[in-house]
């Protein structure tokens, strides 16, 4: 309801409604194609990047855009977590269907709430007769904290599942060491590069550049210690990351302005 930010409100409201279901379909198809090994690597990389961003908040870093940048990584994390937790379950398909149904129900209610807020919050928050808008007015500041807790729990489970899924392929400790050592070095260099890039520039171009650098580093790493199928899955992951960035453009610009 800030008059100085009406342009941002109009830009968010002007997004085409049909792009939402299309975004879900494309992202679902990408996540179905990506193998568990590459998905696990994506989850671990984002977790390391998120921890690094949070630790450097006092040095000018911003954490609000992590809520938008984690979309693809969160999808990979849910995929890893479900494949690990439901492995060998007698009703695995039914469990996955139930999880998808609950996620769809949550998304439906979230979309309805977003439409209501975009259309009527400014009026209802002044006149104080809408329970939903009064609740948001009184407790809206707690929504980021709730999201942060939910994401922390989701990525904690996903990280444990990712480590287990990757270690499952190794016969001996020597093979595991040969894989984890270059991976750790690669991820440390990537995180250092991205932190420096985020401090020096803002906008969408650096984000696209960092996605290409991250996936390029993972591509080169898997050329030496991975499989040919992993290389194909990295290319699919690149498409998924770019698709999520394109969809989040308006909200990312709002984060940068704040």
Protein backbone atom coordinates (compact mmCIF):
# COMPACT_ATOMS: atom_id res chain seq x y z
CA UNK A 1 0.00 0.00 0.00
CA UNK A 2 3.03 2.32 -0.22
CA UNK A 3 2.27 4.97 -2.89
CA UNK A 4 5.94 5.06 -3.91
CA UNK A 5 5.84 1.36 -4.82
CA UNK A 6 2.68 1.25 -6.93
CA UNK A 7 4.74 0.45 -10.02
CA UNK A 8 6.05 -2.72 -8.36
CA UNK A 9 2.54 -3.70 -7.31
CA UNK A 10 1.25 -3.24 -10.86
CA UNK A 11 4.15 -5.22 -12.31
CA UNK A 12 3.47 -8.15 -9.96
CA UNK A 13 -0.27 -8.05 -10.64
CA UNK A 14 0.29 -7.84 -14.41
CA UNK A 15 1.97 -11.25 -14.62
CA UNK A 16 -0.03 -13.56 -16.87
CA UNK A 17 -2.02 -16.10 -14.81
CA UNK A 18 -1.53 -18.90 -17.34
CA UNK A 19 2.23 -18.78 -16.83
CA UNK A 20 1.83 -20.16 -13.30
CA UNK A 21 0.52 -23.62 -14.32
CA UNK A 22 2.99 -23.66 -17.25
CA UNK A 23 5.84 -22.94 -14.83
CA UNK A 24 4.77 -25.85 -12.63
CA UNK A 25 4.50 -28.24 -15.58
CA UNK A 26 7.90 -27.31 -17.02
CA UNK A 27 9.60 -27.50 -13.62
CA UNK A 28 7.96 -30.86 -12.88
CA UNK A 29 9.18 -32.24 -16.21
CA UNK A 30 12.73 -30.99 -15.58
CA UNK A 31 12.83 -32.46 -12.07
CA UNK A 32 11.53 -35.78 -13.39
CA UNK A 33 14.37 -35.92 -15.94
CA UNK A 34 17.19 -34.97 -13.56
CA UNK A 35 18.85 -37.96 -11.92
CA UNK A 36 19.15 -38.27 -8.16
CA UNK A 37 22.94 -37.86 -8.27
CA UNK A 38 22.89 -34.45 -9.97
CA UNK A 39 19.88 -33.37 -7.90
CA UNK A 40 21.86 -34.21 -4.77
CA UNK A 41 24.82 -32.13 -5.97
CA UNK A 42 22.53 -29.17 -6.71
CA UNK A 43 21.06 -29.39 -3.19
CA UNK A 44 24.46 -29.48 -1.51
CA UNK A 45 25.72 -26.56 -3.60
CA UNK A 46 22.74 -24.36 -2.74
CA UNK A 47 22.95 -25.26 0.97
CA UNK A 48 26.59 -24.21 1.03
CA UNK A 49 25.74 -21.00 -0.82
CA UNK A 50 22.87 -20.20 1.54
CA UNK A 51 25.01 -20.73 4.64
CA UNK A 52 27.73 -18.52 3.15
CA UNK A 53 25.19 -15.77 2.38
CA UNK A 54 23.71 -15.88 5.88
CA UNK A 55 27.16 -15.75 7.51
CA UNK A 56 28.11 -12.71 5.42
CA UNK A 57 24.96 -10.67 6.14
CA UNK A 58 27.00 -8.17 8.10
CA UNK A 59 29.18 -7.51 5.06
CA UNK A 60 26.45 -6.15 2.83
CA UNK A 61 24.94 -9.39 1.54
CA UNK A 62 21.19 -9.75 1.17
CA UNK A 63 19.25 -12.89 2.09
CA UNK A 64 15.75 -11.96 0.89
CA UNK A 65 16.44 -13.10 -2.66
CA UNK A 66 17.37 -16.58 -1.36
CA UNK A 67 13.63 -17.25 -1.07
CA UNK A 68 13.38 -16.80 -4.85
CA UNK A 69 16.71 -18.32 -5.90
CA UNK A 70 16.05 -21.58 -4.06
CA UNK A 71 13.12 -22.71 -6.24
CA UNK A 72 14.95 -25.23 -8.40
CA UNK A 73 17.24 -26.36 -5.60
CA UNK A 74 14.23 -26.88 -3.33
CA UNK A 75 12.60 -29.01 -6.03
CA UNK A 76 15.76 -31.12 -6.24
CA UNK A 77 15.80 -31.34 -2.44
CA UNK A 78 12.21 -32.57 -2.26
CA UNK A 79 12.99 -35.10 -5.00
CA UNK A 80 16.06 -36.38 -3.12
CA UNK A 81 14.28 -36.46 0.22
CA UNK A 82 11.25 -38.34 -1.08
CA UNK A 83 13.33 -40.87 -3.04
CA UNK A 84 15.42 -41.55 0.08
CA UNK A 85 12.59 -41.65 2.63
CA UNK A 86 10.23 -43.73 0.46
CA UNK A 87 12.83 -46.17 -0.83
CA UNK A 88 11.51 -49.68 -0.42
CA UNK A 89 8.14 -48.49 0.92
CA UNK A 90 5.27 -50.91 0.10
CA UNK A 91 2.97 -48.09 -1.08
CA UNK A 92 5.54 -45.76 -2.61
CA UNK A 93 3.32 -44.64 -5.51
CA UNK A 94 0.39 -43.89 -3.19
CA UNK A 95 2.67 -41.91 -0.87
CA UNK A 96 4.04 -39.84 -3.76
CA UNK A 97 0.51 -39.20 -5.06
CA UNK A 98 -0.60 -38.06 -1.60
CA UNK A 99 2.43 -35.75 -1.31
CA UNK A 100 1.70 -34.26 -4.75
CA UNK A 101 -1.97 -33.75 -3.83
CA UNK A 102 -1.10 -31.99 -0.57
CA UNK A 103 1.42 -29.77 -2.37
CA UNK A 104 -1.18 -28.89 -5.00
CA UNK A 105 -3.74 -28.03 -2.32
CA UNK A 106 -1.23 -25.79 -0.55
CA UNK A 107 -0.32 -24.09 -3.84
CA UNK A 108 -4.00 -23.51 -4.66
CA UNK A 109 -4.68 -21.79 -1.33
CA UNK A 110 -1.47 -19.75 -1.66
CA UNK A 111 -2.54 -18.53 -5.12
CA UNK A 112 -5.97 -17.55 -3.83
CA UNK A 113 -4.40 -15.63 -0.96
CA UNK A 114 -2.01 -13.87 -3.34
CA UNK A 115 -4.85 -12.81 -5.64
CA UNK A 116 -6.86 -11.53 -2.69
CA UNK A 117 -3.92 -9.52 -1.35
CA UNK A 118 -3.04 -8.00 -4.71
CA UNK A 119 -6.63 -6.93 -5.37
CA UNK A 120 -8.06 -5.99 -1.99
CA UNK A 121 -5.38 -5.67 0.70
CA UNK A 122 -4.99 -1.92 0.34
CA UNK A 123 -8.74 -1.40 0.85
CA UNK A 124 -9.32 -4.03 3.53
CA UNK A 125 -6.29 -3.05 5.64
CA UNK A 126 -7.73 0.46 5.95
CA UNK A 127 -11.33 -0.47 6.64
CA UNK A 128 -10.45 -3.40 8.96
CA UNK A 129 -13.34 -5.74 8.12
CA UNK A 130 -11.53 -8.61 6.34
CA UNK A 131 -10.14 -11.29 8.64
CA UNK A 132 -7.45 -12.40 6.19
CA UNK A 133 -6.11 -8.88 5.61
CA UNK A 134 -6.26 -8.00 9.33
CA UNK A 135 -4.27 -11.18 10.08
CA UNK A 136 -1.68 -10.24 7.46
CA UNK A 137 -1.52 -6.70 8.80
CA UNK A 138 -0.94 -7.95 12.35
CA UNK A 139 1.26 -10.98 11.72
CA UNK A 140 2.63 -10.48 8.20
CA UNK A 141 6.09 -9.73 9.54
CA UNK A 142 6.32 -13.34 10.73
CA UNK A 143 5.87 -14.86 7.27
CA UNK A 144 9.59 -14.63 6.31
CA UNK A 145 10.55 -16.31 9.59
CA UNK A 146 8.05 -19.10 8.92
CA UNK A 147 9.41 -19.56 5.39
CA UNK A 148 12.98 -19.58 6.70
CA UNK A 149 12.17 -22.32 9.22
CA UNK A 150 10.36 -24.42 6.61
CA UNK A 151 13.22 -24.07 4.12
CA UNK A 152 15.82 -24.89 6.78
CA UNK A 153 13.95 -28.09 7.67
CA UNK A 154 13.46 -29.07 4.02
CA UNK A 155 17.13 -28.55 3.14
CA UNK A 156 18.34 -30.29 6.30
CA UNK A 157 16.46 -33.45 5.28
CA UNK A 158 17.53 -32.99 1.65
CA UNK A 159 21.23 -32.62 2.56
CA UNK A 160 21.21 -35.84 4.58
CA UNK A 161 19.44 -37.65 1.75
CA UNK A 162 21.82 -36.16 -0.84
CA UNK A 163 24.95 -37.34 0.99
CA UNK A 164 23.48 -40.82 1.38
CA UNK A 165 22.43 -41.03 -2.28
CA UNK A 166 25.88 -39.98 -3.50
CA UNK A 167 27.82 -42.29 -1.13
CA UNK A 168 25.68 -45.24 -2.17
CA UNK A 169 27.49 -45.44 -5.52
CA UNK A 170 30.97 -45.87 -3.98
CA UNK A 171 32.35 -49.32 -3.30
CA UNK A 172 35.32 -48.19 -1.21
CA UNK A 173 36.43 -45.22 0.87
CA UNK A 174 39.11 -44.38 -1.71
CA UNK A 175 36.50 -43.84 -4.42
CA UNK A 176 34.49 -41.60 -2.11
CA UNK A 177 37.57 -39.51 -1.30
CA UNK A 178 38.44 -39.14 -5.00
CA UNK A 179 34.95 -37.80 -5.61
CA UNK A 180 34.42 -35.58 -2.55
CA UNK A 181 37.83 -33.86 -2.60
CA UNK A 182 37.53 -32.14 -6.02
CA UNK A 183 33.84 -31.53 -5.33
CA UNK A 184 34.61 -29.67 -2.10
CA UNK A 185 37.31 -27.58 -3.78
CA UNK A 186 35.01 -26.78 -6.72
CA UNK A 187 32.13 -25.73 -4.47
CA UNK A 188 34.37 -23.59 -2.26
CA UNK A 189 35.67 -21.69 -5.30
CA UNK A 190 32.16 -21.28 -6.70
CA UNK A 191 30.80 -19.89 -3.43
CA UNK A 192 33.70 -17.43 -3.12
CA UNK A 193 33.14 -16.27 -6.70
CA UNK A 194 29.39 -15.83 -6.25
CA UNK A 195 29.74 -13.89 -3.00
CA UNK A 196 32.13 -11.45 -4.66
CA UNK A 197 29.86 -11.17 -7.70
CA UNK A 198 26.76 -10.43 -5.60
CA UNK A 199 28.54 -7.67 -3.67
CA UNK A 200 29.86 -5.93 -6.77
CA UNK A 201 26.73 -5.90 -8.93
CA UNK A 202 22.96 -6.20 -8.89
CA UNK A 203 20.49 -7.10 -11.57
CA UNK A 204 19.45 -10.16 -13.48
CA UNK A 205 22.50 -10.45 -15.73
CA UNK A 206 24.91 -11.41 -12.87
CA UNK A 207 22.43 -14.05 -11.68
CA UNK A 208 22.27 -15.65 -15.12
CA UNK A 209 26.05 -15.50 -15.29
CA UNK A 210 26.48 -17.21 -11.92
CA UNK A 211 24.03 -19.96 -12.92
CA UNK A 212 26.10 -20.67 -16.04
CA UNK A 213 29.34 -20.62 -13.99
CA UNK A 214 27.90 -22.95 -11.34
CA UNK A 215 26.57 -25.47 -13.83
CA UNK A 216 29.72 -25.13 -15.92
CA UNK A 217 31.87 -25.99 -12.90
CA UNK A 218 29.65 -28.96 -12.09
CA UNK A 219 29.80 -30.03 -15.75
CA UNK A 220 33.60 -29.99 -15.81
CA UNK A 221 33.78 -31.80 -12.47
CA UNK A 222 31.47 -34.58 -13.62
CA UNK A 223 33.45 -34.96 -16.83
CA UNK A 224 36.31 -36.22 -14.68
CA UNK A 225 34.58 -38.08 -11.83
CA UNK A 226 31.01 -38.61 -13.04
CA UNK A 227 29.06 -40.57 -15.60
CA UNK A 228 27.82 -39.65 -19.04
CA UNK A 229 24.24 -39.60 -17.81
CA UNK A 230 25.25 -37.07 -15.13
CA UNK A 231 26.51 -34.69 -17.82
CA UNK A 232 23.14 -34.80 -19.59
CA UNK A 233 21.36 -34.17 -16.27
CA UNK A 234 23.56 -31.11 -15.63
CA UNK A 235 22.39 -29.61 -18.93
CA UNK A 236 18.77 -30.28 -17.94
CA UNK A 237 19.45 -28.65 -14.57
CA UNK A 238 20.80 -25.57 -16.33
CA UNK A 239 17.50 -25.24 -18.19
CA UNK A 240 15.58 -25.62 -14.92
CA UNK A 241 17.63 -22.95 -13.16
CA UNK A 242 17.26 -20.49 -16.05
CA UNK A 243 13.51 -21.13 -16.25
CA UNK A 244 13.07 -20.39 -12.53
CA UNK A 245 15.11 -17.18 -12.83
CA UNK A 246 13.01 -15.97 -15.75
CA UNK A 247 9.81 -16.61 -13.81
CA UNK A 248 11.10 -14.77 -10.70
CA UNK A 249 12.30 -11.65 -12.51
CA UNK A 250 9.71 -9.17 -11.20
CA UNK A 251 10.05 -10.28 -7.58
CA UNK A 252 13.86 -10.27 -7.78
CA UNK A 253 13.82 -6.66 -8.96
CA UNK A 254 11.57 -5.81 -6.01
CA UNK A 255 14.10 -7.42 -3.65
CA UNK A 256 16.94 -5.37 -5.15
CA UNK A 257 14.98 -2.15 -4.73
CA UNK A 258 14.39 -2.94 -1.07
